[in-house]
């Protein structure tokens, strides 16, 4: 079996690696082709090119990259034509994935086309749900409420479950972490998570560091960890060069998950990482900034009350969201201090995390295994 996988950024890369593991567990001789990052490469994928080229966020930021991205789309489609895989599975990054699917449809190759992770049509671009059936044969969703947005428009959509429930963050080991990095028992830990894209790190790291420096003056018993990924590790190291803080930069999944488990509090960019923190009851806030133009457009186009997944799932704010002009060290510090007092804000968050875990539901099989089953079934159906 030949499976072509395309993941355009670190969160998709992680999802792709788990999917690969689930596929191999059921069909050990499967061959993988496509685009992925470090975790998919560890599972045996040789990526067509480096995915950091695709991990660009925000409208202004994307513009200079357009010619290169268009060239990569053409290269990918040619590669698929040459390999003739049994199925093409794109993971997240719908803007890039959609263009691949559109180009493949035009070539009429009779290869089943699947997209894993629904674009957030409930948040914006609702019309997108109407046209997706033209480009893909099936959609695999992470949240139980998502299929209903697509099925009325002739697209088969299946809820497979959220990968965070199979994340090894649940098995993180704080004792191992403290020993590995010689952290004394009387020290507490704050995790700073400025994102997995270069432009996120550029915008958020200075604010997070500034907040941490002020916090450290009042709380000298803390040390700070910055779990990061390969694509931005160098940028993070450059950004902290002149900091006087006791800082540890981490770059492996094991270190990252052990660090989460060991953390007393966290300040995070928006995204899956916040859901991982919710899984293991780490009190946290999210803080995020994009360019003023992107922010202006988002405010006019987005039809959502919240950006944090825990808040979206519950329909209420349990994780403070400090966005744009609210993303300041003063506001970050205010909420961090509230968590340390373990008052109402803290209690409300802990109760909410418990409900989030129930909604995401731990089923008989992992989400990746559910996704793998659907992929096998589509390959079989296409062969007949």
Protein backbone atom coordinates (compact mmCIF):
# COMPACT_ATOMS: atom_id res chain seq x y z
CA UNK A 1 0.00 0.00 0.00
CA UNK A 2 1.27 3.47 -0.90
CA UNK A 3 -0.08 6.37 1.15
CA UNK A 4 0.68 10.00 0.34
CA UNK A 5 0.51 12.27 3.40
CA UNK A 6 0.76 16.06 3.42
CA UNK A 7 1.21 18.06 6.64
CA UNK A 8 2.02 21.75 6.36
CA UNK A 9 2.96 22.67 9.92
CA UNK A 10 4.10 21.21 13.27
CA UNK A 11 0.61 20.42 14.64
CA UNK A 12 -0.24 18.53 11.42
CA UNK A 13 3.16 16.83 11.55
CA UNK A 14 2.39 15.43 15.00
CA UNK A 15 -1.05 14.25 13.85
CA UNK A 16 0.55 12.69 10.76
CA UNK A 17 3.14 10.79 12.80
CA UNK A 18 0.43 9.25 14.99
CA UNK A 19 -1.62 8.35 11.93
CA UNK A 20 1.45 6.67 10.39
CA UNK A 21 1.98 4.66 13.59
CA UNK A 22 -1.69 3.56 13.59
CA UNK A 23 -1.48 2.56 9.90
CA UNK A 24 1.73 0.55 10.38
CA UNK A 25 0.23 -1.23 13.42
CA UNK A 26 -2.54 -2.52 11.11
CA UNK A 27 -0.56 -2.82 7.84
CA UNK A 28 3.20 -3.07 8.53
CA UNK A 29 4.34 -3.05 4.89
CA UNK A 30 2.74 0.33 4.04
CA UNK A 31 4.95 2.80 2.16
CA UNK A 32 4.66 6.50 2.94
CA UNK A 33 5.36 9.46 0.67
CA UNK A 34 4.67 13.17 0.93
CA UNK A 35 5.43 16.20 3.06
CA UNK A 36 5.95 16.27 6.80
CA UNK A 37 8.17 17.49 9.60
CA UNK A 38 10.55 15.96 12.10
CA UNK A 39 8.06 13.62 13.82
CA UNK A 40 6.73 12.16 10.54
CA UNK A 41 10.30 11.69 9.34
CA UNK A 42 11.03 9.72 12.52
CA UNK A 43 8.17 7.39 11.53
CA UNK A 44 9.79 6.80 8.14
CA UNK A 45 8.60 9.56 5.80
CA UNK A 46 11.14 11.22 3.54
CA UNK A 47 9.66 14.71 3.13
CA UNK A 48 9.57 16.20 -0.36
CA UNK A 49 10.72 19.55 1.14
CA UNK A 50 11.07 21.28 4.51
CA UNK A 51 7.64 22.14 5.95
CA UNK A 52 8.91 25.30 7.66
CA UNK A 53 8.42 26.94 4.24
CA UNK A 54 4.67 26.48 4.62
CA UNK A 55 4.21 27.44 8.28
CA UNK A 56 3.30 31.10 7.74
CA UNK A 57 0.46 32.79 9.61
CA UNK A 58 -1.42 36.01 8.89
CA UNK A 59 -2.33 37.76 5.65
CA UNK A 60 0.59 40.21 5.42
CA UNK A 61 3.05 37.48 6.37
CA UNK A 62 1.82 35.11 3.64
CA UNK A 63 2.12 37.54 0.72
CA UNK A 64 5.92 37.37 0.19
CA UNK A 65 5.76 33.55 0.33
CA UNK A 66 3.08 33.11 -2.37
CA UNK A 67 5.37 32.44 -5.38
CA UNK A 68 7.35 29.84 -3.45
CA UNK A 69 4.19 28.16 -2.11
CA UNK A 70 2.68 27.97 -5.62
CA UNK A 71 5.87 26.32 -6.86
CA UNK A 72 5.68 23.79 -4.00
CA UNK A 73 2.05 22.98 -4.89
CA UNK A 74 3.07 22.19 -8.47
CA UNK A 75 6.01 20.09 -7.27
CA UNK A 76 3.75 18.11 -4.88
CA UNK A 77 1.10 17.41 -7.53
CA UNK A 78 3.79 16.21 -9.97
CA UNK A 79 5.18 13.94 -7.27
CA UNK A 80 1.73 12.41 -6.61
CA UNK A 81 1.25 11.83 -10.33
CA UNK A 82 4.60 10.05 -10.50
CA UNK A 83 4.09 7.86 -7.39
CA UNK A 84 0.41 6.98 -8.05
CA UNK A 85 -0.42 6.34 -4.38
CA UNK A 86 -3.52 4.41 -3.23
CA UNK A 87 -4.79 7.48 -1.38
CA UNK A 88 -3.83 11.12 -0.68
CA UNK A 89 -4.39 12.38 2.86
CA UNK A 90 -3.84 16.05 3.63
CA UNK A 91 -3.62 17.06 7.28
CA UNK A 92 -4.80 20.46 8.52
CA UNK A 93 -3.45 23.63 6.71
CA UNK A 94 -6.55 23.72 4.49
CA UNK A 95 -5.38 26.73 2.43
CA UNK A 96 -2.40 24.75 1.14
CA UNK A 97 -4.19 21.39 1.10
CA UNK A 98 -7.17 22.74 -0.87
CA UNK A 99 -4.93 23.85 -3.72
CA UNK A 100 -3.34 20.41 -3.89
CA UNK A 101 -6.79 18.76 -3.99
CA UNK A 102 -8.06 21.16 -6.65
CA UNK A 103 -5.04 20.49 -8.87
CA UNK A 104 -5.41 16.70 -8.41
CA UNK A 105 -9.11 16.80 -9.28
CA UNK A 106 -8.29 18.52 -12.58
CA UNK A 107 -5.89 15.71 -13.46
CA UNK A 108 -8.60 13.10 -12.87
CA UNK A 109 -6.21 10.51 -11.41
CA UNK A 110 -8.94 8.44 -9.65
CA UNK A 111 -7.03 8.50 -6.38
CA UNK A 112 -9.23 8.88 -3.24
CA UNK A 113 -8.66 12.27 -1.59
CA UNK A 114 -9.12 12.80 2.14
CA UNK A 115 -8.64 15.78 4.42
CA UNK A 116 -7.94 15.23 8.12
CA UNK A 117 -8.93 18.12 10.48
CA UNK A 118 -11.92 20.19 9.41
CA UNK A 119 -11.28 23.82 8.49
CA UNK A 120 -12.98 25.97 11.10
CA UNK A 121 -15.98 26.90 8.97
CA UNK A 122 -18.03 27.47 12.10
CA UNK A 123 -15.60 30.32 12.82
CA UNK A 124 -15.32 31.91 9.38
CA UNK A 125 -15.76 31.28 5.65
CA UNK A 126 -18.95 29.27 6.14
CA UNK A 127 -19.27 29.05 2.34
CA UNK A 128 -16.16 26.86 2.36
CA UNK A 129 -18.29 23.97 3.68
CA UNK A 130 -20.44 24.13 0.54
CA UNK A 131 -17.61 23.65 -1.92
CA UNK A 132 -15.30 21.15 -0.20
CA UNK A 133 -17.09 18.13 -1.68
CA UNK A 134 -15.82 19.19 -5.12
CA UNK A 135 -12.20 18.62 -4.08
CA UNK A 136 -12.20 15.83 -1.51
CA UNK A 137 -14.02 12.54 -1.05
CA UNK A 138 -14.07 12.51 2.73
CA UNK A 139 -13.35 14.68 5.75
CA UNK A 140 -12.11 13.43 9.13
CA UNK A 141 -12.98 15.76 12.02
CA UNK A 142 -11.51 16.17 15.51
CA UNK A 143 -14.63 17.48 17.24
CA UNK A 144 -18.06 15.86 17.53
CA UNK A 145 -19.92 19.03 16.51
CA UNK A 146 -18.11 19.44 13.16
CA UNK A 147 -19.62 16.88 10.71
CA UNK A 148 -23.00 18.69 10.76
CA UNK A 149 -21.42 21.69 9.02
CA UNK A 150 -20.37 19.59 6.00
CA UNK A 151 -22.81 16.70 5.56
CA UNK A 152 -25.67 18.94 4.26
CA UNK A 153 -23.31 19.83 1.37
CA UNK A 154 -22.74 16.27 0.09
CA UNK A 155 -19.44 15.71 1.90
CA UNK A 156 -19.06 12.61 4.02
CA UNK A 157 -17.56 13.77 7.31
CA UNK A 158 -16.60 11.47 10.19
CA UNK A 159 -15.73 12.43 13.77
CA UNK A 160 -12.65 10.33 14.63
CA UNK A 161 -11.70 11.97 17.95
CA UNK A 162 -9.15 14.54 19.04
CA UNK A 163 -5.48 13.45 18.99
CA UNK A 164 -4.79 15.23 22.26
CA UNK A 165 -6.35 12.26 24.07
CA UNK A 166 -3.59 10.02 22.71
CA UNK A 167 -0.86 12.55 23.41
CA UNK A 168 2.02 11.26 25.49
CA UNK A 169 1.59 14.45 27.54
CA UNK A 170 -0.70 12.33 29.73
CA UNK A 171 2.28 10.11 30.59
CA UNK A 172 4.66 13.03 31.18
CA UNK A 173 6.91 12.49 34.20
CA UNK A 174 7.71 15.48 36.39
CA UNK A 175 10.17 13.61 38.62
CA UNK A 176 12.23 12.49 35.62
CA UNK A 177 12.15 16.02 34.26
CA UNK A 178 13.42 17.60 37.48
CA UNK A 179 16.21 15.02 37.76
CA UNK A 180 17.24 15.35 34.12
CA UNK A 181 17.66 19.12 34.40
CA UNK A 182 18.84 19.20 38.05
CA UNK A 183 15.92 21.29 39.25
CA UNK A 184 15.92 21.51 43.07
CA UNK A 185 12.78 20.46 44.94
CA UNK A 186 12.18 23.99 46.26
CA UNK A 187 11.98 25.49 42.75
CA UNK A 188 8.70 25.97 40.91
CA UNK A 189 8.31 25.96 37.13
CA UNK A 190 6.60 28.29 34.65
CA UNK A 191 6.29 27.16 31.03
CA UNK A 192 6.51 29.79 28.29
CA UNK A 193 5.11 28.62 24.93
CA UNK A 194 5.51 31.31 22.26
CA UNK A 195 4.28 29.20 19.32
CA UNK A 196 5.67 26.93 16.59
CA UNK A 197 5.92 29.46 13.75
CA UNK A 198 8.73 31.98 13.33
CA UNK A 199 6.44 35.00 13.16
CA UNK A 200 4.60 33.86 16.34
CA UNK A 201 7.90 33.59 18.22
CA UNK A 202 8.98 37.02 16.93
CA UNK A 203 5.77 38.63 18.25
CA UNK A 204 5.18 36.69 21.46
CA UNK A 205 8.55 35.74 22.93
CA UNK A 206 9.56 39.35 23.86
CA UNK A 207 6.23 39.88 25.71
CA UNK A 208 6.42 36.51 27.48
CA UNK A 209 10.04 37.13 28.54
CA UNK A 210 9.26 40.61 29.78
CA UNK A 211 6.35 39.25 31.87
CA UNK A 212 8.60 36.44 33.18
CA UNK A 213 11.32 38.92 34.19
CA UNK A 214 8.88 41.00 36.24
CA UNK A 215 7.38 37.85 37.73
CA UNK A 216 10.83 36.54 38.69
CA UNK A 217 11.59 39.69 40.69
CA UNK A 218 8.64 38.87 42.95
CA UNK A 219 9.05 35.08 42.77
CA UNK A 220 12.76 34.18 42.71
CA UNK A 221 11.84 30.55 43.54
CA UNK A 222 10.73 29.99 39.89
CA UNK A 223 12.62 28.71 36.88
CA UNK A 224 11.32 29.00 33.31
CA UNK A 225 11.09 26.38 30.56
CA UNK A 226 10.52 27.07 26.87
CA UNK A 227 9.45 23.85 25.10
CA UNK A 228 9.92 24.41 21.36
CA UNK A 229 10.15 22.62 17.99
CA UNK A 230 13.00 22.30 15.53
CA UNK A 231 11.56 24.85 13.08
CA UNK A 232 11.81 27.72 15.60
CA UNK A 233 14.43 26.54 18.10
CA UNK A 234 17.16 28.79 16.67
CA UNK A 235 14.85 31.83 16.76
CA UNK A 236 13.97 31.11 20.40
CA UNK A 237 17.66 30.74 21.37
CA UNK A 238 18.44 34.05 19.65
CA UNK A 239 15.51 35.71 21.41
CA UNK A 240 16.63 34.71 24.92
CA UNK A 241 20.36 35.40 24.42
CA UNK A 242 20.38 38.51 26.62
CA UNK A 243 17.91 37.29 29.24
CA UNK A 244 19.08 37.01 32.85
CA UNK A 245 16.32 34.52 33.70
CA UNK A 246 16.99 30.91 34.74
CA UNK A 247 15.77 29.46 31.41
CA UNK A 248 15.74 25.97 29.92
CA UNK A 249 14.98 25.52 26.19
CA UNK A 250 13.64 22.07 25.26
CA UNK A 251 13.30 20.57 21.80
CA UNK A 252 12.15 16.95 22.13
CA UNK A 253 8.60 15.69 22.61
CA UNK A 254 9.58 13.77 25.76
CA UNK A 255 11.17 16.83 27.36
CA UNK A 256 8.21 18.96 26.32
CA UNK A 257 5.61 16.65 27.83
CA UNK A 258 7.62 16.02 30.99
CA UNK A 259 8.02 19.80 31.33
CA UNK A 260 4.26 20.34 30.97
CA UNK A 261 3.64 17.80 33.71
CA UNK A 262 6.20 19.52 35.94
CA UNK A 263 4.85 23.06 35.34
CA UNK A 264 2.98 24.99 38.01
CA UNK A 265 1.62 27.52 35.51
CA UNK A 266 1.95 28.26 31.77
CA UNK A 267 1.65 31.15 29.33
CA UNK A 268 0.91 29.87 25.83
CA UNK A 269 0.23 30.95 22.27
CA UNK A 270 -3.15 29.76 21.02
CA UNK A 271 -3.42 26.23 19.56
CA UNK A 272 -3.27 22.53 20.40
CA UNK A 273 -0.65 23.09 23.07
CA UNK A 274 -3.28 24.79 25.25
CA UNK A 275 -5.46 21.69 24.95
CA UNK A 276 -2.52 19.52 26.07
CA UNK A 277 -2.16 21.73 29.15
CA UNK A 278 -5.91 21.32 29.82
CA UNK A 279 -5.56 17.53 29.61
CA UNK A 280 -3.15 17.51 32.57
CA UNK A 281 -4.66 20.36 34.63
CA UNK A 282 -1.89 22.93 34.19
CA UNK A 283 -3.37 26.38 34.90
CA UNK A 284 -2.69 28.59 31.90
CA UNK A 285 -3.61 31.66 29.91
CA UNK A 286 -3.29 32.16 26.19
CA UNK A 287 -1.82 35.31 24.71
CA UNK A 288 -1.61 36.03 20.99
CA UNK A 289 -0.79 38.78 18.50
CA UNK A 290 -0.95 39.00 14.71
CA UNK A 291 -0.21 41.96 12.42
CA UNK A 292 -2.70 44.87 12.75
CA UNK A 293 -4.13 44.17 9.27
CA UNK A 294 -4.65 40.45 10.00
CA UNK A 295 -6.29 41.42 13.32
CA UNK A 296 -8.59 43.94 11.64
CA UNK A 297 -9.70 41.40 9.03
CA UNK A 298 -10.10 38.64 11.64
CA UNK A 299 -12.39 40.84 13.73
CA UNK A 300 -14.61 41.43 10.72
CA UNK A 301 -14.55 37.89 9.35
CA UNK A 302 -14.43 35.64 12.40
CA UNK A 303 -17.79 34.58 13.75
CA UNK A 304 -16.57 33.19 17.05
CA UNK A 305 -16.69 34.28 20.63
CA UNK A 306 -13.44 32.51 21.61
CA UNK A 307 -10.19 31.33 20.02
CA UNK A 308 -9.10 28.87 22.72
CA UNK A 309 -10.34 25.31 22.11
CA UNK A 310 -11.33 24.65 25.74
CA UNK A 311 -13.45 27.81 25.73
CA UNK A 312 -14.99 26.93 22.34
CA UNK A 313 -15.90 23.41 23.48
CA UNK A 314 -17.54 24.66 26.69
CA UNK A 315 -19.07 27.81 25.20
CA UNK A 316 -17.65 29.88 28.08
CA UNK A 317 -14.31 31.37 29.04
CA UNK A 318 -12.32 29.23 31.44
CA UNK A 319 -8.95 30.11 29.88
CA UNK A 320 -8.20 33.85 29.79
CA UNK A 321 -7.59 35.01 26.20
CA UNK A 322 -5.22 37.98 25.91
CA UNK A 323 -5.38 38.92 22.25
CA UNK A 324 -3.77 41.81 20.32
CA UNK A 325 -3.70 44.95 22.51
CA UNK A 326 -4.57 42.80 25.55
CA UNK A 327 -1.43 40.72 25.02
CA UNK A 328 0.63 42.70 27.55
CA UNK A 329 2.95 41.71 30.36
CA UNK A 330 0.68 43.44 32.91
CA UNK A 331 -2.35 41.35 31.95
CA UNK A 332 -0.29 38.16 31.77
CA UNK A 333 1.04 38.81 35.27
CA UNK A 334 -2.40 39.61 36.66
CA UNK A 335 -3.78 36.19 35.64
CA UNK A 336 -0.66 34.26 36.63
CA UNK A 337 -0.93 35.75 40.14
CA UNK A 338 -4.63 34.81 40.25
CA UNK A 339 -3.76 31.18 39.46
CA UNK A 340 -1.13 31.09 42.21
CA UNK A 341 -3.76 32.24 44.73
CA UNK A 342 -5.89 29.24 43.67
CA UNK A 343 -9.07 31.31 43.96
CA UNK A 344 -12.20 31.38 41.79
CA UNK A 345 -10.42 31.76 38.41
CA UNK A 346 -8.27 28.72 39.20
CA UNK A 347 -11.17 26.57 40.45
CA UNK A 348 -13.35 27.50 37.45
CA UNK A 349 -10.52 26.49 35.12
CA UNK A 350 -9.91 23.11 36.81
CA UNK A 351 -13.65 22.22 36.72
CA UNK A 352 -13.75 23.24 33.05
CA UNK A 353 -10.76 21.05 32.14
CA UNK A 354 -12.57 18.03 33.55
CA UNK A 355 -15.57 18.72 31.30
CA UNK A 356 -13.31 19.28 28.26
CA UNK A 357 -11.82 15.80 28.77
CA UNK A 358 -15.32 14.31 28.85
CA UNK A 359 -16.34 16.06 25.60
CA UNK A 360 -13.23 14.88 23.75
CA UNK A 361 -14.12 11.38 24.89
CA UNK A 362 -11.67 8.55 25.30
CA UNK A 363 -13.11 5.79 23.09
CA UNK A 364 -12.38 2.12 22.38
CA UNK A 365 -9.72 3.06 19.84
CA UNK A 366 -7.41 6.02 19.50
CA UNK A 367 -8.46 8.80 17.07
CA UNK A 368 -5.50 7.83 14.85
CA UNK A 369 -6.67 4.21 14.67
CA UNK A 370 -10.20 5.40 13.79
CA UNK A 371 -8.73 7.55 10.99
CA UNK A 372 -6.57 4.64 9.77
CA UNK A 373 -9.65 2.36 9.54
CA UNK A 374 -11.48 4.86 7.32
CA UNK A 375 -8.41 5.26 5.08
CA UNK A 376 -8.10 1.46 4.62
CA UNK A 377 -11.79 1.19 3.82
CA UNK A 378 -11.53 3.91 1.16
CA UNK A 379 -8.52 2.23 -0.45
CA UNK A 380 -10.43 -1.10 -0.58
CA UNK A 381 -13.55 0.52 -2.03
CA UNK A 382 -11.50 2.31 -4.69
CA UNK A 383 -9.73 -0.94 -5.68
CA UNK A 384 -13.04 -2.65 -6.55
